[in-house]
Amino acid sequence: MPLMINDDGIYNSDTFSLSCSEALLLGTALGNIHDDILVGCNQKDMPVYHALTAGILSKGKNVWNCGECTQSQIRFALQTTKINCGIYIDHSFKNIKVIPFSKFGFTLSFNEENELLENMKTASDDDISEPKGKITDSSTLCDMYLSECRHIFKNLPQNTSVQINSGSRIIKNFFAPMFSECKPDFYKDIVFNISSDGMKVSAYCDSSGFIFYEKLLLICCKNEFEKGNDIPLPHSFPMLADMIATDKNRYTYRFDPYSDSFEDTSRKSVTLDYPFLSDGISLIGKIFEIMNEKSKTLSELANELPHFTTTMKYINIKKDPDETIKKITDSSENNVCYTDNNGRILAKKSKSGKSLIFLAESYSSESAEEFCNNWLLKSNITT
């Protein structure tokens, strides 16, 4: 089976991974589209990395080598330069996948996906020749990212003990010197968990339990609204942000991450002014800043937000997904299937086209999963 662009990256849907020969052809497909490509990975000396770069170089195009890094560092490098394509090779759970990034470090638009898919279909061994492009060491861009992050943590909250965990070795090493004075068995007021890609964070504290990513982001958005700022957010982010913005006489500028329209691209560019929207380390730094400014604990900040829960469900379908979405959303804006005072449900097609993804949020006492399941049952949406 040929390589597919799936929701979590590019790989062979039969093997759930990527071979060197497939990576070589993917590199040629990328080289047919872009002149300069940023490339990074989460493990050193990956054969797939060398195969993919060889494919790019064979088309006479240039590779900007970021080496071992996080996805956040790739996104930062794209935001810092004028390069419009970034590739991250992720080797996790014994499988290899390629995660592509576009301008400003966002996911590929639908148009960019289609262009890449067409080039992947026609790529063959005949396209491969001697390397004509060049490789530039761009690891300094990743170092710049870490330097920027260090400035964020100049003032840690007073009288607060913090533990920060991550599956990323780079992120662990970044925080180790900062908290080296804390004994391993010392009581931790807050535990932050940064995802391995460096882009999302969750937290735990005894007084409020787990605080998930969206709630941490809402704390920061609420703070920006109170300062008189409007915030750009993707359509899928909880509508609770709009309610909080309205209460503060502010506005959320919604955008479609998969669109390259002028309006969506303009709004995506504004997110660069708010690094916490897409970077885990910046988000933690912003939370610390708000705690200091307001002299409040994380629990107090979280408890100021209205109650809500979120969930995501994949439903495999045999019918045409586009027709199904059109029917259940009635061509509503942002693919909203259902909304009332208790919450809302959005639908979108998976990149494989084999399933529908339902994003639900509930403002009532019931969970978002229960809210979504009840609506799916009433709507007779089954596999």
Protein backbone atom coordinates (compact mmCIF):
# COMPACT_ATOMS: atom_id res chain seq x y z
CA MET A 1 0.00 0.00 0.00
CA PRO A 2 1.40 3.45 -0.84
CA LEU A 3 2.21 6.04 1.80
CA MET A 4 -0.78 7.93 3.16
CA ILE A 5 -1.14 11.29 4.90
CA ASN A 6 -2.91 10.29 8.11
CA ASP A 7 -4.11 12.41 11.03
CA ASP A 8 -0.92 11.76 12.98
CA GLY A 9 1.61 11.81 10.13
CA ILE A 10 2.77 10.16 6.91
CA TYR A 11 3.36 6.40 6.92
CA ASN A 12 2.33 3.15 5.27
CA SER A 13 -1.13 2.28 6.59
CA ASP A 14 -0.37 -1.46 6.33
CA THR A 15 2.81 -1.44 8.41
CA PHE A 16 2.04 1.74 10.43
CA SER A 17 5.62 2.74 9.74
CA LEU A 18 7.97 4.06 7.07
CA SER A 19 10.82 2.16 5.38
CA CYS A 20 14.01 3.68 3.99
CA SER A 21 12.91 3.06 0.39
CA GLU A 22 9.57 4.78 1.10
CA ALA A 23 11.35 7.67 2.81
CA LEU A 24 13.61 8.08 -0.23
CA LEU A 25 10.62 8.41 -2.56
CA LEU A 26 8.87 10.74 -0.12
CA GLY A 27 11.97 12.92 -0.19
CA THR A 28 11.82 13.17 -3.98
CA ALA A 29 8.12 14.10 -3.78
CA LEU A 30 8.93 16.88 -1.30
CA GLY A 31 11.83 18.00 -3.48
CA ASN A 32 9.46 18.40 -6.43
CA ILE A 33 7.49 20.99 -4.44
CA HIS A 34 9.87 22.91 -2.14
CA ASP A 35 13.30 24.47 -2.65
CA ASP A 36 14.21 24.50 1.06
CA ILE A 37 13.08 22.01 3.69
CA LEU A 38 13.77 21.96 7.44
CA VAL A 39 14.31 18.42 8.72
CA GLY A 40 14.56 17.18 12.31
CA CYS A 41 14.04 13.92 14.21
CA ASN A 42 13.71 12.57 17.73
CA GLN A 43 16.54 10.06 17.49
CA LYS A 44 20.13 10.35 16.30
CA ASP A 45 21.46 8.58 13.21
CA MET A 46 18.13 7.39 11.87
CA PRO A 47 18.55 5.58 8.51
CA VAL A 48 15.11 6.89 7.45
CA TYR A 49 16.35 10.44 8.03
CA HIS A 50 19.31 9.90 5.68
CA ALA A 51 17.07 8.27 3.07
CA LEU A 52 14.55 11.11 3.12
CA THR A 53 17.24 13.81 2.88
CA ALA A 54 18.89 11.90 0.03
CA GLY A 55 15.61 12.04 -1.87
CA ILE A 56 15.33 15.80 -1.35
CA LEU A 57 18.95 16.39 -2.35
CA SER A 58 18.56 14.28 -5.50
CA LYS A 59 16.05 16.85 -6.78
CA GLY A 60 18.60 19.62 -6.35
CA LYS A 61 16.77 21.04 -3.33
CA ASN A 62 18.26 22.09 0.02
CA VAL A 63 17.98 20.47 3.44
CA TRP A 64 18.23 22.58 6.59
CA ASN A 65 19.33 20.02 9.16
CA CYS A 66 18.01 20.59 12.70
CA GLY A 67 19.24 17.19 13.90
CA GLU A 68 17.77 15.70 17.07
CA CYS A 69 15.06 18.04 18.34
CA THR A 70 11.42 18.34 19.33
CA GLN A 71 8.51 19.27 17.09
CA SER A 72 8.31 22.58 18.96
CA GLN A 73 11.84 23.36 17.83
CA ILE A 74 10.96 22.62 14.21
CA ARG A 75 7.94 24.93 14.49
CA PHE A 76 10.13 27.66 16.03
CA ALA A 77 12.66 27.29 13.20
CA LEU A 78 9.89 27.69 10.61
CA GLN A 79 8.56 30.76 12.42
CA THR A 80 12.05 32.28 12.61
CA THR A 81 12.94 31.73 8.95
CA LYS A 82 11.11 32.20 5.65
CA ILE A 83 11.15 28.46 4.97
CA ASN A 84 7.65 27.14 4.32
CA CYS A 85 8.17 23.39 4.80
CA GLY A 86 9.34 21.43 7.82
CA ILE A 87 9.62 17.67 8.27
CA TYR A 88 9.84 15.87 11.60
CA ILE A 89 10.74 12.18 11.67
CA ASP A 90 9.26 10.53 14.74
CA HIS A 91 10.45 7.09 15.81
CA SER A 92 8.13 6.08 18.66
CA PHE A 93 6.62 2.75 19.74
CA LYS A 94 8.88 0.94 17.23
CA ASN A 95 7.14 2.70 14.31
CA ILE A 96 8.42 5.56 12.17
CA LYS A 97 6.25 8.34 10.80
CA VAL A 98 6.91 11.67 9.12
CA ILE A 99 5.09 14.74 10.42
CA PRO A 100 4.98 17.59 7.89
CA PHE A 101 4.69 21.27 8.81
CA SER A 102 3.82 24.26 6.67
CA LYS A 103 4.21 28.02 7.02
CA PHE A 104 4.35 29.32 10.63
CA GLY A 105 4.76 25.72 11.80
CA PHE A 106 1.13 24.76 11.14
CA THR A 107 -0.16 21.53 9.69
CA LEU A 108 -0.41 21.26 5.90
CA SER A 109 -3.44 22.86 4.29
CA PHE A 110 -5.77 20.63 2.26
CA ASN A 111 -4.30 22.09 -0.95
CA GLU A 112 -0.75 21.32 0.21
CA GLU A 113 -1.78 17.80 1.21
CA ASN A 114 -3.31 17.15 -2.21
CA GLU A 115 -0.22 18.46 -3.98
CA LEU A 116 2.04 16.23 -1.89
CA LEU A 117 -0.23 13.21 -2.40
CA GLU A 118 -0.11 13.66 -6.18
CA ASN A 119 3.69 13.85 -6.12
CA MET A 120 3.88 10.80 -3.83
CA LYS A 121 1.78 8.80 -6.31
CA THR A 122 4.09 9.56 -9.22
CA ALA A 123 7.40 9.30 -7.35
CA SER A 124 9.58 6.40 -8.54
CA ASP A 125 13.15 5.14 -8.37
CA ASP A 126 13.76 6.72 -11.78
CA ASP A 127 13.47 10.16 -10.13
CA ILE A 128 16.47 9.51 -7.90
CA SER A 129 19.87 10.77 -9.02
CA GLU A 130 23.14 11.97 -7.52
CA PRO A 131 22.67 14.58 -4.75
CA LYS A 132 22.60 18.07 -6.25
CA GLY A 133 21.27 20.07 -3.33
CA LYS A 134 23.13 21.00 -0.17
CA ILE A 135 22.75 20.37 3.56
CA THR A 136 23.02 23.28 6.01
CA ASP A 137 23.51 22.73 9.73
CA SER A 138 20.58 24.51 11.37
CA SER A 139 20.96 23.22 14.92
CA THR A 140 21.57 26.82 16.06
CA LEU A 141 17.89 27.52 15.34
CA CYS A 142 16.99 24.84 17.89
CA ASP A 143 19.47 26.33 20.36
CA MET A 144 17.80 29.71 19.86
CA TYR A 145 14.50 28.12 20.84
CA LEU A 146 15.95 26.86 24.14
CA SER A 147 17.56 30.26 24.75
CA GLU A 148 14.18 31.95 24.27
CA CYS A 149 12.62 29.47 26.68
CA ARG A 150 15.18 30.20 29.39
CA HIS A 151 14.05 33.83 29.51
CA ILE A 152 10.53 32.62 30.26
CA PHE A 153 11.58 31.07 33.57
CA LYS A 154 13.42 33.97 35.16
CA ASN A 155 10.79 34.36 37.87
CA LEU A 156 9.32 31.13 39.20
CA PRO A 157 6.29 31.42 41.53
CA GLN A 158 7.42 32.02 45.11
CA ASN A 159 6.84 29.34 47.73
CA THR A 160 5.82 26.87 45.05
CA SER A 161 7.54 23.57 44.42
CA VAL A 162 7.31 22.43 40.81
CA GLN A 163 8.02 19.18 39.02
CA ILE A 164 8.13 19.02 35.22
CA ASN A 165 8.02 15.68 33.39
CA SER A 166 8.25 14.79 29.71
CA GLY A 167 8.90 11.81 27.49
CA SER A 168 11.37 13.97 25.54
CA ARG A 169 15.02 13.70 26.59
CA ILE A 170 15.67 17.22 25.26
CA ILE A 171 12.92 18.74 27.41
CA LYS A 172 14.03 16.77 30.48
CA ASN A 173 17.61 18.02 30.06
CA PHE A 174 16.36 21.58 29.59
CA PHE A 175 14.54 21.65 32.94
CA ALA A 176 17.01 19.56 34.96
CA PRO A 177 19.36 22.46 35.94
CA MET A 178 16.41 24.68 36.86
CA PHE A 179 15.04 22.30 39.46
CA SER A 180 18.28 20.59 40.49
CA GLU A 181 18.01 22.00 44.02
CA CYS A 182 14.73 20.14 44.62
CA LYS A 183 15.26 16.80 46.30
CA PRO A 184 13.71 13.85 44.45
CA ASP A 185 11.42 13.07 47.41
CA PHE A 186 10.51 16.71 48.03
CA TYR A 187 6.77 17.49 48.06
CA LYS A 188 5.61 18.91 44.75
CA ASP A 189 2.80 21.47 44.73
CA ILE A 190 2.40 21.23 40.93
CA VAL A 191 3.38 18.54 38.46
CA PHE A 192 3.44 19.55 34.79
CA ASN A 193 3.59 16.91 32.05
CA ILE A 194 4.84 18.12 28.65
CA SER A 195 4.04 15.90 25.66
CA SER A 196 7.01 14.33 23.89
CA ASP A 197 6.53 16.63 20.90
CA GLY A 198 6.80 19.64 23.24
CA MET A 199 3.52 21.18 22.11
CA LYS A 200 0.99 20.32 24.82
CA VAL A 201 0.89 20.29 28.62
CA SER A 202 -1.29 18.93 31.40
CA ALA A 203 -0.93 19.59 35.12
CA TYR A 204 -1.73 18.04 38.47
CA CYS A 205 -2.02 19.59 41.91
CA ASP A 206 -3.50 18.02 45.05
CA SER A 207 -6.07 20.77 45.60
CA SER A 208 -7.71 20.51 42.16
CA GLY A 209 -6.53 17.21 40.66
CA PHE A 210 -5.73 16.98 36.95
CA ILE A 211 -5.93 20.14 34.85
CA PHE A 212 -5.96 19.26 31.17
CA TYR A 213 -4.39 21.15 28.28
CA GLU A 214 -7.44 23.10 27.12
CA LYS A 215 -8.07 24.41 30.62
CA LEU A 216 -4.47 25.63 30.97
CA LEU A 217 -4.84 27.40 27.62
CA LEU A 218 -8.12 28.97 28.72
CA ILE A 219 -6.42 30.39 31.84
CA CYS A 220 -3.94 32.14 29.54
CA CYS A 221 -6.62 33.26 27.06
CA LYS A 222 -8.74 34.69 29.90
CA ASN A 223 -5.71 36.64 31.09
CA GLU A 224 -5.19 38.08 27.59
CA PHE A 225 -8.88 39.05 27.34
CA GLU A 226 -8.58 40.86 30.69
CA LYS A 227 -5.61 42.79 29.30
CA GLY A 228 -7.69 43.91 26.32
CA ASN A 229 -6.31 41.50 23.72
CA ASP A 230 -8.20 39.40 21.17
CA ILE A 231 -6.94 35.87 20.55
CA PRO A 232 -6.77 33.78 17.33
CA LEU A 233 -7.94 30.19 17.94
CA PRO A 234 -8.68 27.18 15.71
CA HIS A 235 -12.34 26.28 15.12
CA SER A 236 -11.94 23.08 17.15
CA PHE A 237 -10.89 24.85 20.36
CA PRO A 238 -13.69 24.89 22.99
CA MET A 239 -16.37 27.54 22.50
CA LEU A 240 -15.99 28.37 26.18
CA ALA A 241 -13.19 30.71 25.05
CA ASP A 242 -15.75 32.77 23.09
CA MET A 243 -18.01 32.96 26.13
CA ILE A 244 -15.16 34.20 28.33
CA ALA A 245 -14.10 36.68 25.63
CA THR A 246 -17.64 38.08 25.34
CA ASP A 247 -17.80 38.47 29.12
CA LYS A 248 -14.61 40.57 28.92
CA ASN A 249 -15.81 42.52 25.84
CA ARG A 250 -13.15 40.85 23.70
CA TYR A 251 -13.21 38.54 20.66
CA THR A 252 -11.75 35.26 19.43
CA TYR A 253 -10.65 35.16 15.80
CA ARG A 254 -11.39 31.61 14.66
CA PHE A 255 -9.45 30.00 11.82
CA ASP A 256 -9.25 26.70 9.96
CA PRO A 257 -5.73 25.20 10.37
CA TYR A 258 -6.17 23.28 7.10
CA SER A 259 -7.09 26.34 5.04
CA ASP A 260 -4.67 28.57 3.15
CA SER A 261 -7.21 31.31 2.46
CA PHE A 262 -6.01 34.87 3.04
CA GLU A 263 -8.17 35.29 6.15
CA ASP A 264 -7.13 31.99 7.75
CA THR A 265 -3.45 32.54 6.92
CA SER A 266 -3.57 36.04 8.40
CA ARG A 267 -5.13 34.77 11.62
CA LYS A 268 -2.63 31.92 11.87
CA SER A 269 0.20 34.43 11.57
CA VAL A 270 -1.14 36.35 14.58
CA THR A 271 -0.70 33.23 16.75
CA LEU A 272 3.05 33.93 16.60
CA ASP A 273 2.41 36.79 19.04
CA TYR A 274 1.10 34.24 21.56
CA PRO A 275 3.65 31.37 21.76
CA PHE A 276 1.74 29.66 24.57
CA LEU A 277 -0.97 28.71 22.04
CA SER A 278 1.20 26.02 20.48
CA ASP A 279 4.26 25.50 22.67
CA GLY A 280 4.30 23.57 25.93
CA ILE A 281 7.27 25.29 27.56
CA SER A 282 5.85 28.73 26.72
CA LEU A 283 2.49 27.68 28.15
CA ILE A 284 4.03 26.68 31.48
CA GLY A 285 6.00 29.94 31.54
CA LYS A 286 2.80 31.92 30.91
CA ILE A 287 1.02 30.07 33.73
CA PHE A 288 3.87 30.98 36.10
CA GLU A 289 3.68 34.60 34.96
CA ILE A 290 -0.06 34.78 35.65
CA MET A 291 0.37 33.12 39.06
CA ASN A 292 2.96 35.75 39.98
CA GLU A 293 0.97 38.70 38.65
CA LYS A 294 -2.25 37.70 40.38
CA SER A 295 -0.70 36.09 43.46
CA LYS A 296 -2.94 33.07 42.92
CA THR A 297 -2.32 29.34 42.93
CA LEU A 298 -2.91 27.23 39.83
CA SER A 299 -5.94 25.69 41.53
CA GLU A 300 -7.46 29.12 42.14
CA LEU A 301 -6.93 30.11 38.50
CA ALA A 302 -8.46 26.85 37.27
CA ASN A 303 -11.46 27.15 39.57
CA GLU A 304 -12.27 30.60 38.12
CA LEU A 305 -13.15 28.94 34.80
CA PRO A 306 -16.68 27.62 34.14
CA HIS A 307 -17.09 23.86 34.21
CA PHE A 308 -16.55 22.02 30.91
CA THR A 309 -15.22 18.74 29.58
CA THR A 310 -14.09 17.67 26.11
CA THR A 311 -13.74 14.42 24.18
CA MET A 312 -12.85 13.14 20.70
CA LYS A 313 -14.45 10.11 19.07
CA TYR A 314 -13.60 8.27 15.83
CA ILE A 315 -16.50 6.60 14.02
CA ASN A 316 -15.70 4.30 11.08
CA ILE A 317 -18.26 4.69 8.31
CA LYS A 318 -19.01 2.96 5.02
CA LYS A 319 -20.86 5.91 3.50
CA ASP A 320 -19.21 8.86 1.78
CA PRO A 321 -17.78 10.96 4.69
CA ASP A 322 -18.24 14.27 2.86
CA GLU A 323 -21.90 13.54 2.20
CA THR A 324 -22.40 12.42 5.80
CA ILE A 325 -20.83 15.61 7.19
CA LYS A 326 -22.93 17.74 4.85
CA LYS A 327 -26.06 15.96 6.03
CA ILE A 328 -25.44 16.08 9.78
CA THR A 329 -24.08 19.64 9.83
CA ASP A 330 -26.56 21.05 7.32
CA SER A 331 -23.66 23.09 5.87
CA SER A 332 -23.28 25.02 9.13
CA GLU A 333 -20.21 27.13 9.80
CA ASN A 334 -17.17 25.23 11.13
CA ASN A 335 -18.93 21.84 10.71
CA VAL A 336 -20.99 22.20 13.88
CA CYS A 337 -23.38 19.24 14.14
CA TYR A 338 -25.18 20.26 17.27
CA THR A 339 -25.12 23.06 19.82
CA ASP A 340 -27.24 24.10 22.80
CA ASN A 341 -26.78 25.48 26.30
CA ASN A 342 -25.20 22.19 27.39
CA GLY A 343 -22.42 22.11 24.78
CA ARG A 344 -21.58 21.56 21.12
CA ILE A 345 -20.38 18.84 18.76
CA LEU A 346 -18.22 19.31 15.65
CA ALA A 347 -17.49 16.77 12.93
CA LYS A 348 -14.63 16.44 10.49
CA LYS A 349 -13.37 13.81 8.09
CA SER A 350 -10.23 11.90 8.99
CA LYS A 351 -7.36 12.28 6.55
CA SER A 352 -7.62 8.63 5.61
CA GLY A 353 -11.27 9.26 4.65
CA LYS A 354 -12.34 6.06 6.42
CA SER A 355 -13.84 7.64 9.53
CA LEU A 356 -15.42 10.74 10.98
CA ILE A 357 -13.96 12.55 13.96
CA PHE A 358 -16.39 14.06 16.45
CA LEU A 359 -15.15 16.77 18.82
CA ALA A 360 -17.53 17.35 21.71
CA GLU A 361 -17.54 19.74 24.65
CA SER A 362 -20.03 19.81 27.48
CA TYR A 363 -20.78 22.72 29.82
CA SER A 364 -23.28 20.76 31.92
CA SER A 365 -22.70 18.25 34.70
CA GLU A 366 -22.60 15.35 32.23
CA SER A 367 -19.30 14.43 30.62
CA ALA A 368 -18.52 15.37 27.03
CA GLU A 369 -18.31 11.67 26.16
CA GLU A 370 -21.82 11.06 27.49
CA PHE A 371 -23.05 14.19 25.72
CA CYS A 372 -21.51 13.00 22.43
CA ASN A 373 -22.72 9.38 22.78
CA ASN A 374 -26.29 10.50 23.42
CA TRP A 375 -26.27 12.70 20.33
CA LEU A 376 -24.73 9.97 18.14
CA LEU A 377 -27.42 7.56 19.33
CA LYS A 378 -30.25 10.03 18.62
CA SER A 379 -28.78 10.84 15.21
CA ASN A 380 -28.42 7.14 14.33
CA ILE A 381 -24.76 7.56 13.38
CA THR A 382 -23.13 4.14 13.37
CA THR A 383 -20.32 2.35 11.63
